[in-house]
C-alpha atoms as a PDB file:
ATOM      1  CA  MET A   1       0.760  32.606  -8.235  1.00  0.00           C
ATOM      2  CA  TRP A   2       1.949  30.083 -10.688  1.00  0.00           C
ATOM      3  CA  ALA A   3      -0.742  28.771 -12.933  1.00  0.00           C
ATOM      4  CA  GLY A   4       1.376  26.515 -15.102  1.00  0.00           C
ATOM      5  CA  GLN A   5       0.440  23.137 -16.381  1.00  0.00           C
ATOM      6  CA  SER A   6       1.311  19.953 -14.570  1.00  0.00           C
ATOM      7  CA  LYS A   7       4.052  17.841 -16.036  1.00  0.00           C
ATOM      8  CA  TRP A   8       1.699  14.858 -16.386  1.00  0.00           C
ATOM      9  CA  SER A   9      -0.456  14.622 -19.420  1.00  0.00           C
ATOM     10  CA  LYS A  10      -3.625  12.582 -19.662  1.00  0.00           C
ATOM     11  CA  ASP A  11      -1.802   9.769 -21.525  1.00  0.00           C
ATOM     12  CA  SER A  12       1.066   9.407 -19.056  1.00  0.00           C
ATOM     13  CA  GLU A  13      -0.453   9.408 -15.593  1.00  0.00           C
ATOM     14  CA  PRO A  14       1.676   8.220 -12.645  1.00  0.00           C
ATOM     15  CA  MET A  15       1.574   4.498 -11.916  1.00  0.00           C
ATOM     16  CA  GLY A  16      -0.622   3.712  -8.899  1.00  0.00           C
ATOM     17  CA  GLU A  17       1.001   0.340  -8.133  1.00  0.00           C
ATOM     18  CA  ILE A  18       3.903  -0.514  -5.857  1.00  0.00           C
ATOM     19  CA  ASN A  19       6.888  -2.245  -7.409  1.00  0.00           C
ATOM     20  CA  VAL A  20       7.353  -5.368  -5.248  1.00  0.00           C
ATOM     21  CA  THR A  21      10.403  -6.742  -7.055  1.00  0.00           C
ATOM     22  CA  PRO A  22      12.940  -5.158  -4.637  1.00  0.00           C
ATOM     23  CA  LEU A  23      10.897  -6.428  -1.686  1.00  0.00           C
ATOM     24  CA  VAL A  24      10.939  -9.968  -3.062  1.00  0.00           C
ATOM     25  CA  ASP A  25      14.702  -9.737  -3.649  1.00  0.00           C
ATOM     26  CA  VAL A  26      15.339  -8.675  -0.060  1.00  0.00           C
ATOM     27  CA  MET A  27      13.065 -11.406   1.324  1.00  0.00           C
ATOM     28  CA  LEU A  28      14.848 -14.092  -0.718  1.00  0.00           C
ATOM     29  CA  VAL A  29      18.234 -12.917   0.546  1.00  0.00           C
ATOM     30  CA  LEU A  30      16.959 -13.036   4.147  1.00  0.00           C
ATOM     31  CA  LEU A  31      15.532 -16.506   3.583  1.00  0.00           C
ATOM     32  CA  ILE A  32      18.885 -17.770   2.303  1.00  0.00           C
ATOM     33  CA  ILE A  33      20.720 -16.205   5.262  1.00  0.00           C
ATOM     34  CA  PHE A  34      18.379 -17.885   7.757  1.00  0.00           C
ATOM     35  CA  MET A  35      18.641 -21.232   5.951  1.00  0.00           C
ATOM     36  CA  VAL A  36      22.436 -21.093   6.137  1.00  0.00           C
ATOM     37  CA  THR A  37      22.665 -19.960   9.767  1.00  0.00           C
ATOM     38  CA  ALA A  38      19.918 -22.180  11.268  1.00  0.00           C
ATOM     39  CA  PRO A  39      22.058 -25.371  11.378  1.00  0.00           C
ATOM     40  CA  LEU A  40      24.803 -23.410  13.144  1.00  0.00           C
ATOM     41  CA  LEU A  41      22.502 -22.665  16.074  1.00  0.00           C
ATOM     42  CA  THR A  42      22.670 -26.207  17.452  1.00  0.00           C
ATOM     43  CA  GLN A  43      23.855 -26.285  21.000  1.00  0.00           C
ATOM     44  CA  GLY A  44      27.026 -27.997  22.106  1.00  0.00           C
ATOM     45  CA  VAL A  45      29.432 -30.346  20.413  1.00  0.00           C
ATOM     46  CA  ASN A  46      28.331 -32.792  17.729  1.00  0.00           C
ATOM     47  CA  VAL A  47      27.842 -36.231  19.311  1.00  0.00           C
ATOM     48  CA  ASP A  48      25.836 -39.318  18.394  1.00  0.00           C
ATOM     49  CA  LEU A  49      23.155 -39.322  21.114  1.00  0.00           C
ATOM     50  CA  PRO A  50      21.576 -42.582  22.266  1.00  0.00           C
ATOM     51  CA  ASP A  51      17.942 -43.282  21.338  1.00  0.00           C
ATOM     52  CA  ALA A  52      15.263 -43.301  24.038  1.00  0.00           C
ATOM     53  CA  GLU A  53      11.524 -42.753  24.394  1.00  0.00           C
ATOM     54  CA  SER A  54      10.841 -39.646  26.464  1.00  0.00           C
ATOM     55  CA  PRO A  55       8.645 -36.573  26.179  1.00  0.00           C
ATOM     56  CA  ALA A  56      10.207 -33.301  25.084  1.00  0.00           C
ATOM     57  CA  MET A  57      10.948 -30.838  27.891  1.00  0.00           C
ATOM     58  CA  GLN A  58       9.761 -27.244  27.776  1.00  0.00           C
ATOM     59  CA  GLN A  59      12.425 -24.881  29.148  1.00  0.00           C
ATOM     60  CA  ASN A  60      12.345 -21.107  29.486  1.00  0.00           C
ATOM     61  CA  VAL A  61      15.936 -20.920  30.740  1.00  0.00           C
ATOM     62  CA  GLU A  62      19.035 -21.674  28.680  1.00  0.00           C
ATOM     63  CA  PRO A  63      20.427 -24.850  30.323  1.00  0.00           C
ATOM     64  CA  LEU A  64      24.048 -25.618  31.080  1.00  0.00           C
ATOM     65  CA  VAL A  65      25.058 -28.473  28.782  1.00  0.00           C
ATOM     66  CA  VAL A  66      27.965 -30.806  29.570  1.00  0.00           C
ATOM     67  CA  THR A  67      28.913 -32.890  26.532  1.00  0.00           C
ATOM     68  CA  ILE A  68      30.953 -36.098  26.677  1.00  0.00           C
ATOM     69  CA  ARG A  69      32.343 -37.313  23.362  1.00  0.00           C
ATOM     70  CA  ALA A  70      33.025 -40.970  22.554  1.00  0.00           C
ATOM     71  CA  ASP A  71      36.756 -40.480  23.215  1.00  0.00           C
ATOM     72  CA  GLY A  72      35.966 -39.170  26.741  1.00  0.00           C
ATOM     73  CA  ALA A  73      36.619 -35.479  26.028  1.00  0.00           C
ATOM     74  CA  ILE A  74      34.386 -33.173  28.064  1.00  0.00           C
ATOM     75  CA  PHE A  75      32.881 -29.884  26.902  1.00  0.00           C
ATOM     76  CA  MET A  76      30.918 -27.261  28.812  1.00  0.00           C
ATOM     77  CA  GLN A  77      28.526 -25.689  26.297  1.00  0.00           C
ATOM     78  CA  LYS A  78      30.892 -25.709  23.269  1.00  0.00           C
ATOM     79  CA  LEU A  79      34.188 -25.164  25.070  1.00  0.00           C
ATOM     80  CA  PRO A  80      36.511 -28.033  26.057  1.00  0.00           C
ATOM     81  CA  ILE A  81      37.140 -28.305  29.784  1.00  0.00           C
ATOM     82  CA  ASP A  82      39.466 -30.390  31.942  1.00  0.00           C
ATOM     83  CA  ILE A  83      37.594 -32.776  34.220  1.00  0.00           C
ATOM     84  CA  LYS A  84      39.337 -31.270  37.273  1.00  0.00           C
ATOM     85  CA  GLN A  85      37.888 -27.837  36.435  1.00  0.00           C
ATOM     86  CA  LEU A  86      34.340 -29.071  35.827  1.00  0.00           C
ATOM     87  CA  ALA A  87      33.017 -29.089  39.417  1.00  0.00           C
ATOM     88  CA  PRO A  88      34.430 -25.676  40.454  1.00  0.00           C
ATOM     89  CA  ARG A  89      33.223 -23.979  37.260  1.00  0.00           C
ATOM     90  CA  ILE A  90      29.720 -25.404  37.552  1.00  0.00           C
ATOM     91  CA  LYS A  91      29.579 -24.547  41.250  1.00  0.00           C
ATOM     92  CA  ALA A  92      30.502 -20.929  40.419  1.00  0.00           C
ATOM     93  CA  MET A  93      27.871 -20.787  37.677  1.00  0.00           C
ATOM     94  CA  ARG A  94      25.196 -22.177  39.988  1.00  0.00           C
ATOM     95  CA  GLU A  95      26.036 -19.528  42.599  1.00  0.00           C
ATOM     96  CA  GLN A  96      25.276 -16.879  39.956  1.00  0.00           C
ATOM     97  CA  LYS A  97      22.090 -18.652  38.754  1.00  0.00           C
ATOM     98  CA  PRO A  98      20.783 -21.042  41.448  1.00  0.00           C
ATOM     99  CA  GLY A  99      18.022 -22.618  39.333  1.00  0.00           C
ATOM    100  CA  LEU A 100      20.193 -23.240  36.265  1.00  0.00           C
ATOM    101  CA  PRO A 101      19.300 -26.663  34.792  1.00  0.00           C
ATOM    102  CA  VAL A 102      22.198 -28.974  33.906  1.00  0.00           C
ATOM    103  CA  PHE A 103      22.027 -31.483  31.047  1.00  0.00           C
ATOM    104  CA  ILE A 104      24.513 -34.169  30.031  1.00  0.00           C
ATOM    105  CA  ARG A 105      24.870 -34.991  26.341  1.00  0.00           C
ATOM    106  CA  GLY A 106      26.811 -38.217  26.183  1.00  0.00           C
ATOM    107  CA  ASP A 107      27.758 -39.888  22.938  1.00  0.00           C
ATOM    108  CA  ALA A 108      26.173 -43.332  22.521  1.00  0.00           C
ATOM    109  CA  LYS A 109      29.671 -44.875  22.455  1.00  0.00           C
ATOM    110  CA  THR A 110      30.889 -43.064  25.596  1.00  0.00           C
ATOM    111  CA  PRO A 111      31.980 -45.502  28.310  1.00  0.00           C
ATOM    112  CA  TYR A 112      29.443 -45.585  31.122  1.00  0.00           C
ATOM    113  CA  GLY A 113      32.205 -45.036  33.659  1.00  0.00           C
ATOM    114  CA  ARG A 114      33.008 -41.640  32.146  1.00  0.00           C
ATOM    115  CA  VAL A 115      29.359 -40.553  32.360  1.00  0.00           C
ATOM    116  CA  ALA A 116      29.192 -41.762  35.984  1.00  0.00           C
ATOM    117  CA  GLU A 117      32.390 -39.843  36.769  1.00  0.00           C
ATOM    118  CA  VAL A 118      30.922 -36.623  35.369  1.00  0.00           C
ATOM    119  CA  MET A 119      27.667 -37.175  37.261  1.00  0.00           C
ATOM    120  CA  SER A 120      29.641 -37.711  40.464  1.00  0.00           C
ATOM    121  CA  LEU A 121      31.519 -34.445  39.903  1.00  0.00           C
ATOM    122  CA  LEU A 122      28.227 -32.649  39.303  1.00  0.00           C
ATOM    123  CA  GLU A 123      26.881 -34.042  42.565  1.00  0.00           C
ATOM    124  CA  SER A 124      29.990 -32.831  44.396  1.00  0.00           C
ATOM    125  CA  ALA A 125      29.303 -29.375  42.911  1.00  0.00           C
ATOM    126  CA  GLY A 126      25.845 -29.404  44.524  1.00  0.00           C
ATOM    127  CA  ILE A 127      23.839 -30.437  41.463  1.00  0.00           C
ATOM    128  CA  ARG A 128      21.104 -32.846  42.576  1.00  0.00           C
ATOM    129  CA  LYS A 129      19.079 -32.953  39.354  1.00  0.00           C
ATOM    130  CA  VAL A 130      20.744 -33.744  36.039  1.00  0.00           C
ATOM    131  CA  GLY A 131      18.978 -34.247  32.714  1.00  0.00           C
ATOM    132  CA  LEU A 132      20.317 -36.773  30.198  1.00  0.00           C
ATOM    133  CA  VAL A 133      19.813 -35.659  26.591  1.00  0.00           C
ATOM    134  CA  THR A 134      18.731 -38.394  24.168  1.00  0.00           C
ATOM    135  CA  GLU A 135      17.288 -38.598  20.681  1.00  0.00           C
ATOM    136  CA  PRO A 136      13.871 -40.103  19.909  1.00  0.00           C
ATOM    137  CA  HIS A 137      13.800 -43.579  18.340  1.00  0.00           C
ATOM    138  CA  ARG A 138      14.267 -43.425  14.600  1.00  0.00           C
END
């Protein structure tokens, strides 16, 4: 058996503390990553929503969002779509997920006729309930 001395002397005992500097460095990097990516998680196309007083809705399901820009361009989620393709695409999506909620995000400067046209197409696709997305009064 080996009966040698340990490599630690009484004056230089091992440190009993954890070095937290690397942990803090990693946490700061993660914080910066989340701060940069959080604004990118907004849903849909950037539009100036009209102001209205309404309570916030609690949803467990990711809704289908149809966005109408001020120039009349239509987007489904974030992808542009021709108005002729809107009803068939939504009908196909609703066949896959029957309870899928549908929301319309219309720019405040969108002509009312364009919003009514989209709502009419949604009704022809079998959508009876449509939510209109607004912003709270500032």
